[in-house]
């Protein structure tokens, strides 16, 4: 289970959950609340799945920057896409640092 992995890595598991495809309804939200989770949405969608090519991933980075410019703070990117992992994440982290912001990922840098 994902919670077991978080427990091994962090010593606890977070009580926040982004629902698959950002789809929810009353039943889902009630079940998540009963399990103790806080459901979160996203304010920056990189659409990295549309740009999983070294020649296209810049489009996802530009989308990230534009949505960050207008106040976005919770990013959706997919670790199953090679170019997200190898290119996009590092560029997003560099952009965050260059703006003097701090990303949550930096708390887990020892992974």
Protein backbone atom coordinates (compact mmCIF):
# COMPACT_ATOMS: atom_id res chain seq x y z
CA UNK A 1 0.00 0.00 0.00
CA UNK A 2 1.10 3.55 -0.67
CA UNK A 3 0.63 4.41 3.01
CA UNK A 4 3.13 1.69 3.94
CA UNK A 5 5.73 3.25 1.62
CA UNK A 6 5.16 6.70 3.13
CA UNK A 7 5.44 5.18 6.59
CA UNK A 8 8.82 3.61 5.72
CA UNK A 9 10.18 6.75 4.07
CA UNK A 10 8.71 9.49 6.27
CA UNK A 11 7.80 7.71 9.46
CA UNK A 12 4.14 8.64 8.97
CA UNK A 13 1.67 8.85 6.14
CA UNK A 14 0.04 12.04 4.99
CA UNK A 15 -3.68 12.54 5.38
CA UNK A 16 -4.07 14.37 2.09
CA UNK A 17 -5.32 12.80 -1.11
CA UNK A 18 -5.72 13.94 -4.69
CA UNK A 19 -8.49 11.86 -6.16
CA UNK A 20 -7.82 10.14 -9.48
CA UNK A 21 -8.81 12.36 -12.40
CA UNK A 22 -9.89 14.94 -9.78
CA UNK A 23 -13.32 13.30 -9.81
CA UNK A 24 -15.43 13.25 -6.68
CA UNK A 25 -18.97 13.20 -5.43
CA UNK A 26 -20.63 13.23 -2.04
CA UNK A 27 -20.11 9.48 -1.48
CA UNK A 28 -16.40 9.67 -2.28
CA UNK A 29 -15.87 12.76 -0.13
CA UNK A 30 -17.78 11.18 2.76
CA UNK A 31 -15.69 7.99 2.53
CA UNK A 32 -12.44 9.96 2.42
CA UNK A 33 -13.51 12.01 5.43
CA UNK A 34 -14.41 8.84 7.32
CA UNK A 35 -10.91 7.52 6.60
CA UNK A 36 -9.43 10.76 7.91
CA UNK A 37 -8.24 12.18 4.59
CA UNK A 38 -8.42 15.78 3.40
CA UNK A 39 -9.13 15.85 -0.33
CA UNK A 40 -7.02 18.34 -2.26
CA UNK A 41 -7.33 19.64 -5.78
CA UNK A 42 -4.75 21.20 -8.04
CA UNK A 43 -4.17 24.74 -9.17
CA UNK A 44 -1.43 23.97 -11.71
CA UNK A 45 -2.00 21.19 -14.22
CA UNK A 46 1.16 20.71 -16.29
CA UNK A 47 -0.61 18.44 -18.82
CA UNK A 48 2.68 16.55 -18.91
CA UNK A 49 0.96 13.46 -20.27
CA UNK A 50 0.29 15.43 -23.47
CA UNK A 51 3.95 16.45 -23.79
CA UNK A 52 5.92 13.33 -22.84
CA UNK A 53 8.62 13.90 -25.41
CA UNK A 54 11.94 15.70 -24.93
CA UNK A 55 10.97 18.12 -27.72
CA UNK A 56 7.57 18.92 -26.20
CA UNK A 57 8.03 18.84 -22.41
CA UNK A 58 8.87 22.57 -22.52
CA UNK A 59 5.16 23.17 -23.16
CA UNK A 60 4.36 21.66 -19.76
CA UNK A 61 7.04 23.79 -18.15
CA UNK A 62 5.63 26.96 -19.73
CA UNK A 63 2.15 25.96 -18.54
CA UNK A 64 3.59 25.50 -15.04
CA UNK A 65 5.23 28.94 -15.13
CA UNK A 66 2.09 30.69 -16.39
CA UNK A 67 -0.13 29.06 -13.78
CA UNK A 68 2.44 29.83 -11.07
CA UNK A 69 2.36 33.47 -12.22
CA UNK A 70 -1.38 33.68 -11.52
CA UNK A 71 -1.11 32.19 -8.03
CA UNK A 72 -1.17 28.44 -8.59
CA UNK A 73 0.49 26.41 -5.87
CA UNK A 74 -0.56 22.74 -6.02
CA UNK A 75 1.00 21.06 -9.06
CA UNK A 76 -0.25 18.03 -10.96
CA UNK A 77 2.49 16.09 -12.76
CA UNK A 78 2.81 12.36 -13.32
CA UNK A 79 5.84 10.36 -12.22
CA UNK A 80 5.00 7.60 -14.71
CA UNK A 81 6.11 9.81 -17.61
CA UNK A 82 9.84 9.67 -18.32
CA UNK A 83 10.27 13.27 -19.40
CA UNK A 84 8.34 14.53 -16.40
CA UNK A 85 10.78 12.72 -14.13
CA UNK A 86 13.95 13.46 -16.07
CA UNK A 87 13.28 17.02 -17.27
CA UNK A 88 10.13 18.71 -16.00
CA UNK A 89 10.52 18.20 -12.26
CA UNK A 90 14.06 19.58 -12.15
CA UNK A 91 13.02 22.61 -14.20
CA UNK A 92 10.00 23.24 -11.94
CA UNK A 93 12.20 23.01 -8.83
CA UNK A 94 14.74 25.42 -10.35
CA UNK A 95 11.93 27.85 -11.19
CA UNK A 96 10.55 27.63 -7.66
CA UNK A 97 14.00 28.30 -6.19
CA UNK A 98 14.68 31.19 -8.59
CA UNK A 99 11.46 32.85 -7.39
CA UNK A 100 12.47 32.43 -3.77
CA UNK A 101 9.66 29.97 -3.14
CA UNK A 102 9.90 26.70 -1.25
CA UNK A 103 8.37 23.52 -2.59
CA UNK A 104 7.02 20.75 -0.42
CA UNK A 105 9.26 18.31 -2.28
CA UNK A 106 12.28 20.02 -0.74
CA UNK A 107 11.20 18.61 2.64
CA UNK A 108 11.79 15.12 1.25
CA UNK A 109 15.08 15.84 -0.52
CA UNK A 110 16.81 13.05 1.38
CA UNK A 111 14.88 10.43 -0.57
